[in-house]
């Protein structure tokens, strides 16, 4: 069981890295301080999907990490 959780945690980590790297640049906090401010920016379409997908993957990664900790501490 621990092997399955470890492998799935690696897969989720790689997917999370890819989904974060695919998000558009310049849409963060740095644009507020130094970049051109074009007004309120709403994410639509694929950008919104990437943000939601990244949040889901991060929650799944945290859940898998906690499950890994619990199972490894019990010795199952």
PDB file of N, CA and C in Angstrom:
ATOM      1  N   UNK A   1       0.824  -1.198   0.000  1.00  0.00           N
ATOM      2  CA  UNK A   1       0.000   0.000   0.000  1.00  0.00           C
ATOM      3  C   UNK A   1       0.870   1.265   0.000  1.00  0.00           C
ATOM      4  N   UNK A   2       1.947   1.201   0.750  1.00  0.00           N
ATOM      5  CA  UNK A   2       2.842   2.351   0.837  1.00  0.00           C
ATOM      6  C   UNK A   2       3.512   2.632  -0.502  1.00  0.00           C
ATOM      7  N   UNK A   3       3.804   1.570  -1.260  1.00  0.00           N
ATOM      8  CA  UNK A   3       4.425   1.728  -2.566  1.00  0.00           C
ATOM      9  C   UNK A   3       3.477   2.441  -3.536  1.00  0.00           C
ATOM     10  N   UNK A   4       2.200   2.103  -3.475  1.00  0.00           N
ATOM     11  CA  UNK A   4       1.191   2.731  -4.343  1.00  0.00           C
ATOM     12  C   UNK A   4       1.059   4.210  -4.012  1.00  0.00           C
ATOM     13  N   UNK A   5       1.060   4.546  -2.741  1.00  0.00           N
ATOM     14  CA  UNK A   5       0.948   5.949  -2.326  1.00  0.00           C
ATOM     15  C   UNK A   5       2.189   6.725  -2.756  1.00  0.00           C
ATOM     16  N   UNK A   6       3.366   6.127  -2.622  1.00  0.00           N
ATOM     17  CA  UNK A   6       4.599   6.809  -3.042  1.00  0.00           C
ATOM     18  C   UNK A   6       4.606   7.089  -4.543  1.00  0.00           C
ATOM     19  N   UNK A   7       4.207   6.097  -5.339  1.00  0.00           N
ATOM     20  CA  UNK A   7       4.184   6.279  -6.788  1.00  0.00           C
ATOM     21  C   UNK A   7       3.154   7.319  -7.187  1.00  0.00           C
ATOM     22  N   UNK A   8       1.969   7.263  -6.577  1.00  0.00           N
ATOM     23  CA  UNK A   8       0.933   8.254  -6.908  1.00  0.00           C
ATOM     24  C   UNK A   8       1.330   9.653  -6.447  1.00  0.00           C
ATOM     25  N   UNK A   9       2.069   9.749  -5.369  1.00  0.00           N
ATOM     26  CA  UNK A   9       2.543  11.053  -4.902  1.00  0.00           C
ATOM     27  C   UNK A   9       3.562  11.652  -5.879  1.00  0.00           C
ATOM     28  N   UNK A  10       4.408  10.816  -6.446  1.00  0.00           N
ATOM     29  CA  UNK A  10       5.370  11.285  -7.447  1.00  0.00           C
ATOM     30  C   UNK A  10       4.648  11.753  -8.705  1.00  0.00           C
ATOM     31  N   UNK A  11       3.645  11.003  -9.148  1.00  0.00           N
ATOM     32  CA  UNK A  11       2.882  11.380 -10.340  1.00  0.00           C
ATOM     33  C   UNK A  11       2.143  12.694 -10.121  1.00  0.00           C
ATOM     34  N   UNK A  12       1.523  12.851  -8.954  1.00  0.00           N
ATOM     35  CA  UNK A  12       0.810  14.088  -8.648  1.00  0.00           C
ATOM     36  C   UNK A  12       1.787  15.261  -8.558  1.00  0.00           C
ATOM     37  N   UNK A  13       2.961  15.035  -7.999  1.00  0.00           N
ATOM     38  CA  UNK A  13       3.961  16.109  -7.896  1.00  0.00           C
ATOM     39  C   UNK A  13       4.416  16.570  -9.274  1.00  0.00           C
ATOM     40  N   UNK A  14       4.641  15.637 -10.188  1.00  0.00           N
ATOM     41  CA  UNK A  14       5.055  16.005 -11.545  1.00  0.00           C
ATOM     42  C   UNK A  14       3.936  16.756 -12.258  1.00  0.00           C
ATOM     43  N   UNK A  15       2.703  16.287 -12.110  1.00  0.00           N
ATOM     44  CA  UNK A  15       1.564  16.974 -12.735  1.00  0.00           C
ATOM     45  C   UNK A  15       1.377  18.373 -12.153  1.00  0.00           C
ATOM     46  N   UNK A  16       1.613  18.534 -10.855  1.00  0.00           N
ATOM     47  CA  UNK A  16       1.495  19.840 -10.217  1.00  0.00           C
ATOM     48  C   UNK A  16       2.567  20.793 -10.735  1.00  0.00           C
ATOM     49  N   UNK A  17       3.779  20.317 -10.888  1.00  0.00           N
ATOM     50  CA  UNK A  17       4.859  21.150 -11.430  1.00  0.00           C
ATOM     51  C   UNK A  17       4.530  21.597 -12.844  1.00  0.00           C
ATOM     52  N   UNK A  18       4.055  20.684 -13.667  1.00  0.00           N
ATOM     53  CA  UNK A  18       3.715  21.019 -15.054  1.00  0.00           C
ATOM     54  C   UNK A  18       2.568  22.018 -15.112  1.00  0.00           C
ATOM     55  N   UNK A  19       1.542  21.816 -14.288  1.00  0.00           N
ATOM     56  CA  UNK A  19       0.394  22.732 -14.316  1.00  0.00           C
ATOM     57  C   UNK A  19       0.766  24.129 -13.831  1.00  0.00           C
ATOM     58  N   UNK A  20       1.695  24.232 -12.894  1.00  0.00           N
ATOM     59  CA  UNK A  20       2.134  25.551 -12.431  1.00  0.00           C
ATOM     60  C   UNK A  20       2.992  26.230 -13.489  1.00  0.00           C
ATOM     61  N   UNK A  21       3.852  25.482 -14.149  1.00  0.00           N
ATOM     62  CA  UNK A  21       4.707  26.068 -15.172  1.00  0.00           C
ATOM     63  C   UNK A  21       3.930  26.490 -16.416  1.00  0.00           C
ATOM     64  N   UNK A  22       2.789  25.889 -16.659  1.00  0.00           N
ATOM     65  CA  UNK A  22       1.989  26.242 -17.832  1.00  0.00           C
ATOM     66  C   UNK A  22       1.151  27.503 -17.630  1.00  0.00           C
ATOM     67  N   UNK A  23       1.026  27.957 -16.394  1.00  0.00           N
ATOM     68  CA  UNK A  23       0.234  29.159 -16.139  1.00  0.00           C
ATOM     69  C   UNK A  23       0.945  30.379 -16.700  1.00  0.00           C
ATOM     70  N   UNK A  24       0.147  31.390 -17.066  1.00  0.00           N
ATOM     71  CA  UNK A  24       0.712  32.560 -17.745  1.00  0.00           C
ATOM     72  C   UNK A  24       1.616  33.347 -16.807  1.00  0.00           C
ATOM     73  N   UNK A  25       2.639  33.919 -17.393  1.00  0.00           N
ATOM     74  CA  UNK A  25       3.575  34.731 -16.615  1.00  0.00           C
ATOM     75  C   UNK A  25       3.028  36.148 -16.509  1.00  0.00           C
ATOM     76  N   UNK A  26       3.442  36.864 -15.489  1.00  0.00           N
ATOM     77  CA  UNK A  26       3.048  38.252 -15.326  1.00  0.00           C
ATOM     78  C   UNK A  26       1.660  38.447 -14.762  1.00  0.00           C
ATOM     79  N   UNK A  27       1.014  37.387 -14.344  1.00  0.00           N
ATOM     80  CA  UNK A  27      -0.320  37.523 -13.787  1.00  0.00           C
ATOM     81  C   UNK A  27      -0.284  37.504 -12.262  1.00  0.00           C
ATOM     82  N   UNK A  28       0.909  37.614 -11.698  1.00  0.00           N
ATOM     83  CA  UNK A  28       1.049  37.518 -10.255  1.00  0.00           C
ATOM     84  C   UNK A  28       1.166  38.865  -9.579  1.00  0.00           C
ATOM     85  N   UNK A  29       1.721  38.848  -8.399  1.00  0.00           N
ATOM     86  CA  UNK A  29       1.826  40.044  -7.583  1.00  0.00           C
ATOM     87  C   UNK A  29       2.897  41.002  -8.097  1.00  0.00           C
ATOM     88  N   UNK A  30       3.872  40.500  -8.829  1.00  0.00           N
ATOM     89  CA  UNK A  30       4.939  41.366  -9.335  1.00  0.00           C
ATOM     90  C   UNK A  30       4.413  42.395 -10.321  1.00  0.00           C
ATOM     91  N   UNK A  31       3.335  42.081 -10.989  1.00  0.00           N
ATOM     92  CA  UNK A  31       2.745  43.016 -11.938  1.00  0.00           C
ATOM     93  C   UNK A  31       2.157  44.234 -11.217  1.00  0.00           C
ATOM     94  N   UNK A  32       1.720  44.054 -10.011  1.00  0.00           N
ATOM     95  CA  UNK A  32       1.148  45.156  -9.242  1.00  0.00           C
ATOM     96  C   UNK A  32       2.212  46.182  -8.880  1.00  0.00           C
ATOM     97  N   UNK A  33       3.416  45.747  -8.552  1.00  0.00           N
ATOM     98  CA  UNK A  33       4.451  46.657  -8.098  1.00  0.00           C
ATOM     99  C   UNK A  33       5.293  47.248  -9.225  1.00  0.00           C
ATOM    100  N   UNK A  34       5.555  46.469 -10.289  1.00  0.00           N
ATOM    101  CA  UNK A  34       6.466  46.987 -11.291  1.00  0.00           C
ATOM    102  C   UNK A  34       5.962  46.922 -12.710  1.00  0.00           C
ATOM    103  N   UNK A  35       4.959  46.132 -12.965  1.00  0.00           N
ATOM    104  CA  UNK A  35       4.511  45.939 -14.338  1.00  0.00           C
ATOM    105  C   UNK A  35       3.410  46.893 -14.736  1.00  0.00           C
ATOM    106  N   UNK A  36       3.025  46.796 -15.993  1.00  0.00           N
ATOM    107  CA  UNK A  36       1.909  47.601 -16.476  1.00  0.00           C
ATOM    108  C   UNK A  36       0.626  47.064 -15.883  1.00  0.00           C
ATOM    109  N   UNK A  37      -0.154  47.954 -15.335  1.00  0.00           N
ATOM    110  CA  UNK A  37      -1.410  47.539 -14.738  1.00  0.00           C
ATOM    111  C   UNK A  37      -2.529  47.847 -15.714  1.00  0.00           C
ATOM    112  N   UNK A  38      -3.108  46.820 -16.277  1.00  0.00           N
ATOM    113  CA  UNK A  38      -4.154  46.991 -17.272  1.00  0.00           C
ATOM    114  C   UNK A  38      -5.543  46.857 -16.697  1.00  0.00           C
ATOM    115  N   UNK A  39      -5.687  46.904 -15.399  1.00  0.00           N
ATOM    116  CA  UNK A  39      -6.997  46.764 -14.789  1.00  0.00           C
ATOM    117  C   UNK A  39      -7.189  45.381 -14.214  1.00  0.00           C
ATOM    118  N   UNK A  40      -8.414  45.092 -13.878  1.00  0.00           N
ATOM    119  CA  UNK A  40      -8.752  43.804 -13.279  1.00  0.00           C
ATOM    120  C   UNK A  40      -8.677  42.718 -14.330  1.00  0.00           C
ATOM    121  N   UNK A  41      -8.005  41.619 -14.010  1.00  0.00           N
ATOM    122  CA  UNK A  41      -7.793  40.542 -14.959  1.00  0.00           C
ATOM    123  C   UNK A  41      -8.566  39.314 -14.500  1.00  0.00           C
ATOM    124  N   UNK A  42      -9.451  38.841 -15.337  1.00  0.00           N
ATOM    125  CA  UNK A  42     -10.237  37.655 -15.025  1.00  0.00           C
ATOM    126  C   UNK A  42      -9.725  36.481 -15.842  1.00  0.00           C
ATOM    127  N   UNK A  43      -9.463  35.381 -15.163  1.00  0.00           N
ATOM    128  CA  UNK A  43      -9.012  34.192 -15.877  1.00  0.00           C
ATOM    129  C   UNK A  43     -10.213  33.513 -16.517  1.00  0.00           C
ATOM    130  N   UNK A  44     -10.045  33.124 -17.770  1.00  0.00           N
ATOM    131  CA  UNK A  44     -11.114  32.450 -18.482  1.00  0.00           C
ATOM    132  C   UNK A  44     -10.549  31.268 -19.232  1.00  0.00           C
ATOM    133  N   UNK A  45     -11.407  30.318 -19.486  1.00  0.00           N
ATOM    134  CA  UNK A  45     -11.043  29.186 -20.324  1.00  0.00           C
ATOM    135  C   UNK A  45      -9.969  28.314 -19.720  1.00  0.00           C
ATOM    136  N   UNK A  46      -8.922  28.101 -20.510  1.00  0.00           N
ATOM    137  CA  UNK A  46      -7.871  27.176 -20.117  1.00  0.00           C
ATOM    138  C   UNK A  46      -7.071  27.690 -18.924  1.00  0.00           C
ATOM    139  N   UNK A  47      -6.908  29.003 -18.798  1.00  0.00           N
ATOM    140  CA  UNK A  47      -6.179  29.562 -17.648  1.00  0.00           C
ATOM    141  C   UNK A  47      -6.923  29.262 -16.349  1.00  0.00           C
ATOM    142  N   UNK A  48      -8.229  29.400 -16.380  1.00  0.00           N
ATOM    143  CA  UNK A  48      -9.022  29.107 -15.180  1.00  0.00           C
ATOM    144  C   UNK A  48      -8.953  27.626 -14.847  1.00  0.00           C
ATOM    145  N   UNK A  49      -9.006  26.784 -15.893  1.00  0.00           N
ATOM    146  CA  UNK A  49      -8.877  25.344 -15.682  1.00  0.00           C
ATOM    147  C   UNK A  49      -7.537  25.014 -15.021  1.00  0.00           C
ATOM    148  N   UNK A  50      -6.459  25.647 -15.471  1.00  0.00           N
ATOM    149  CA  UNK A  50      -5.142  25.375 -14.898  1.00  0.00           C
ATOM    150  C   UNK A  50      -5.066  25.778 -13.427  1.00  0.00           C
ATOM    151  N   UNK A  51      -5.681  26.907 -13.095  1.00  0.00           N
ATOM    152  CA  UNK A  51      -5.661  27.353 -11.696  1.00  0.00           C
ATOM    153  C   UNK A  51      -6.435  26.380 -10.812  1.00  0.00           C
ATOM    154  N   UNK A  52      -7.629  26.002 -11.252  1.00  0.00           N
ATOM    155  CA  UNK A  52      -8.445  25.061 -10.471  1.00  0.00           C
ATOM    156  C   UNK A  52      -7.759  23.702 -10.391  1.00  0.00           C
ATOM    157  N   UNK A  53      -7.178  23.263 -11.511  1.00  0.00           N
ATOM    158  CA  UNK A  53      -6.468  21.986 -11.549  1.00  0.00           C
ATOM    159  C   UNK A  53      -5.261  22.000 -10.610  1.00  0.00           C
ATOM    160  N   UNK A  54      -4.553  23.116 -10.537  1.00  0.00           N
ATOM    161  CA  UNK A  54      -3.404  23.232  -9.635  1.00  0.00           C
ATOM    162  C   UNK A  54      -3.834  23.170  -8.173  1.00  0.00           C
ATOM    163  N   UNK A  55      -4.947  23.798  -7.860  1.00  0.00           N
ATOM    164  CA  UNK A  55      -5.455  23.763  -6.483  1.00  0.00           C
ATOM    165  C   UNK A  55      -5.867  22.341  -6.105  1.00  0.00           C
ATOM    166  N   UNK A  56      -6.549  21.661  -7.028  1.00  0.00           N
ATOM    167  CA  UNK A  56      -6.969  20.279  -6.755  1.00  0.00           C
ATOM    168  C   UNK A  56      -5.758  19.371  -6.600  1.00  0.00           C
ATOM    169  N   UNK A  57      -4.764  19.536  -7.474  1.00  0.00           N
ATOM    170  CA  UNK A  57      -3.560  18.712  -7.368  1.00  0.00           C
ATOM    171  C   UNK A  57      -2.794  18.977  -6.078  1.00  0.00           C
ATOM    172  N   UNK A  58      -2.748  20.233  -5.644  1.00  0.00           N
ATOM    173  CA  UNK A  58      -2.036  20.524  -4.398  1.00  0.00           C
ATOM    174  C   UNK A  58      -2.762  19.927  -3.199  1.00  0.00           C
ATOM    175  N   UNK A  59      -4.092  19.970  -3.205  1.00  0.00           N
ATOM    176  CA  UNK A  59      -4.849  19.350  -2.114  1.00  0.00           C
ATOM    177  C   UNK A  59      -4.668  17.836  -2.127  1.00  0.00           C
ATOM    178  N   UNK A  60      -4.648  17.251  -3.318  1.00  0.00           N
ATOM    179  CA  UNK A  60      -4.419  15.812  -3.434  1.00  0.00           C
ATOM    180  C   UNK A  60      -3.015  15.440  -2.967  1.00  0.00           C
ATOM    181  N   UNK A  61      -2.033  16.265  -3.296  1.00  0.00           N
ATOM    182  CA  UNK A  61      -0.656  16.011  -2.863  1.00  0.00           C
ATOM    183  C   UNK A  61      -0.545  16.070  -1.337  1.00  0.00           C
ATOM    184  N   UNK A  62      -1.185  17.054  -0.732  1.00  0.00           N
ATOM    185  CA  UNK A  62      -1.155  17.158   0.734  1.00  0.00           C
ATOM    186  C   UNK A  62      -1.850  15.963   1.373  1.00  0.00           C
ATOM    187  N   UNK A  63      -2.982  15.550   0.790  1.00  0.00           N
ATOM    188  CA  UNK A  63      -3.679  14.371   1.307  1.00  0.00           C
ATOM    189  C   UNK A  63      -2.842  13.107   1.197  1.00  0.00           C
ATOM    190  N   UNK A  64      -2.168  12.937   0.066  1.00  0.00           N
ATOM    191  CA  UNK A  64      -1.296  11.775  -0.093  1.00  0.00           C
ATOM    192  C   UNK A  64      -0.111  11.814   0.865  1.00  0.00           C
ATOM    193  N   UNK A  65       0.422  13.003   1.113  1.00  0.00           N
ATOM    194  CA  UNK A  65       1.539  13.121   2.050  1.00  0.00           C
ATOM    195  C   UNK A  65       1.105  12.761   3.470  1.00  0.00           C
ATOM    196  N   UNK A  66      -0.089  13.202   3.850  1.00  0.00           N
ATOM    197  CA  UNK A  66      -0.597  12.852   5.183  1.00  0.00           C
ATOM    198  C   UNK A  66      -0.873  11.358   5.279  1.00  0.00           C
ATOM    199  N   UNK A  67      -1.461  10.784   4.221  1.00  0.00           N
ATOM    200  CA  UNK A  67      -1.709   9.340   4.214  1.00  0.00           C
ATOM    201  C   UNK A  67      -0.400   8.562   4.285  1.00  0.00           C
ATOM    202  N   UNK A  68       0.611   9.035   3.586  1.00  0.00           N
ATOM    203  CA  UNK A  68       1.924   8.403   3.625  1.00  0.00           C
ATOM    204  C   UNK A  68       2.505   8.450   5.033  1.00  0.00           C
ATOM    205  N   UNK A  69       2.344   9.567   5.698  1.00  0.00           N
ATOM    206  CA  UNK A  69       2.849   9.723   7.065  1.00  0.00           C
ATOM    207  C   UNK A  69       2.117   8.791   8.031  1.00  0.00           C
ATOM    208  N   UNK A  70       0.801   8.721   7.900  1.00  0.00           N
ATOM    209  CA  UNK A  70       0.014   7.890   8.811  1.00  0.00           C
ATOM    210  C   UNK A  70       0.324   6.407   8.594  1.00  0.00           C
ATOM    211  N   UNK A  71       0.391   5.989   7.338  1.00  0.00           N
ATOM    212  CA  UNK A  71       0.636   4.566   7.070  1.00  0.00           C
ATOM    213  C   UNK A  71       2.067   4.178   7.462  1.00  0.00           C
ATOM    214  N   UNK A  72       3.025   5.051   7.200  1.00  0.00           N
ATOM    215  CA  UNK A  72       4.402   4.705   7.558  1.00  0.00           C
ATOM    216  C   UNK A  72       4.628   4.720   9.063  1.00  0.00           C
ATOM    217  N   UNK A  73       3.872   5.537   9.787  1.00  0.00           N
ATOM    218  CA  UNK A  73       4.048   5.550  11.247  1.00  0.00           C
ATOM    219  C   UNK A  73       3.403   4.340  11.918  1.00  0.00           C
ATOM    220  N   UNK A  74       2.372   3.783  11.280  1.00  0.00           N
ATOM    221  CA  UNK A  74       1.724   2.600  11.835  1.00  0.00           C
ATOM    222  C   UNK A  74       2.489   1.329  11.501  1.00  0.00           C
ATOM    223  N   UNK A  75       3.263   1.372  10.432  1.00  0.00           N
ATOM    224  CA  UNK A  75       4.028   0.201  10.052  1.00  0.00           C
ATOM    225  C   UNK A  75       3.240  -0.824   9.268  1.00  0.00           C
ATOM    226  N   UNK A  76       2.190  -0.373   8.598  1.00  0.00           N
ATOM    227  CA  UNK A  76       1.340  -1.308   7.817  1.00  0.00           C
ATOM    228  C   UNK A  76       1.986  -1.574   6.486  1.00  0.00           C
TER     229      UNK A  76
END
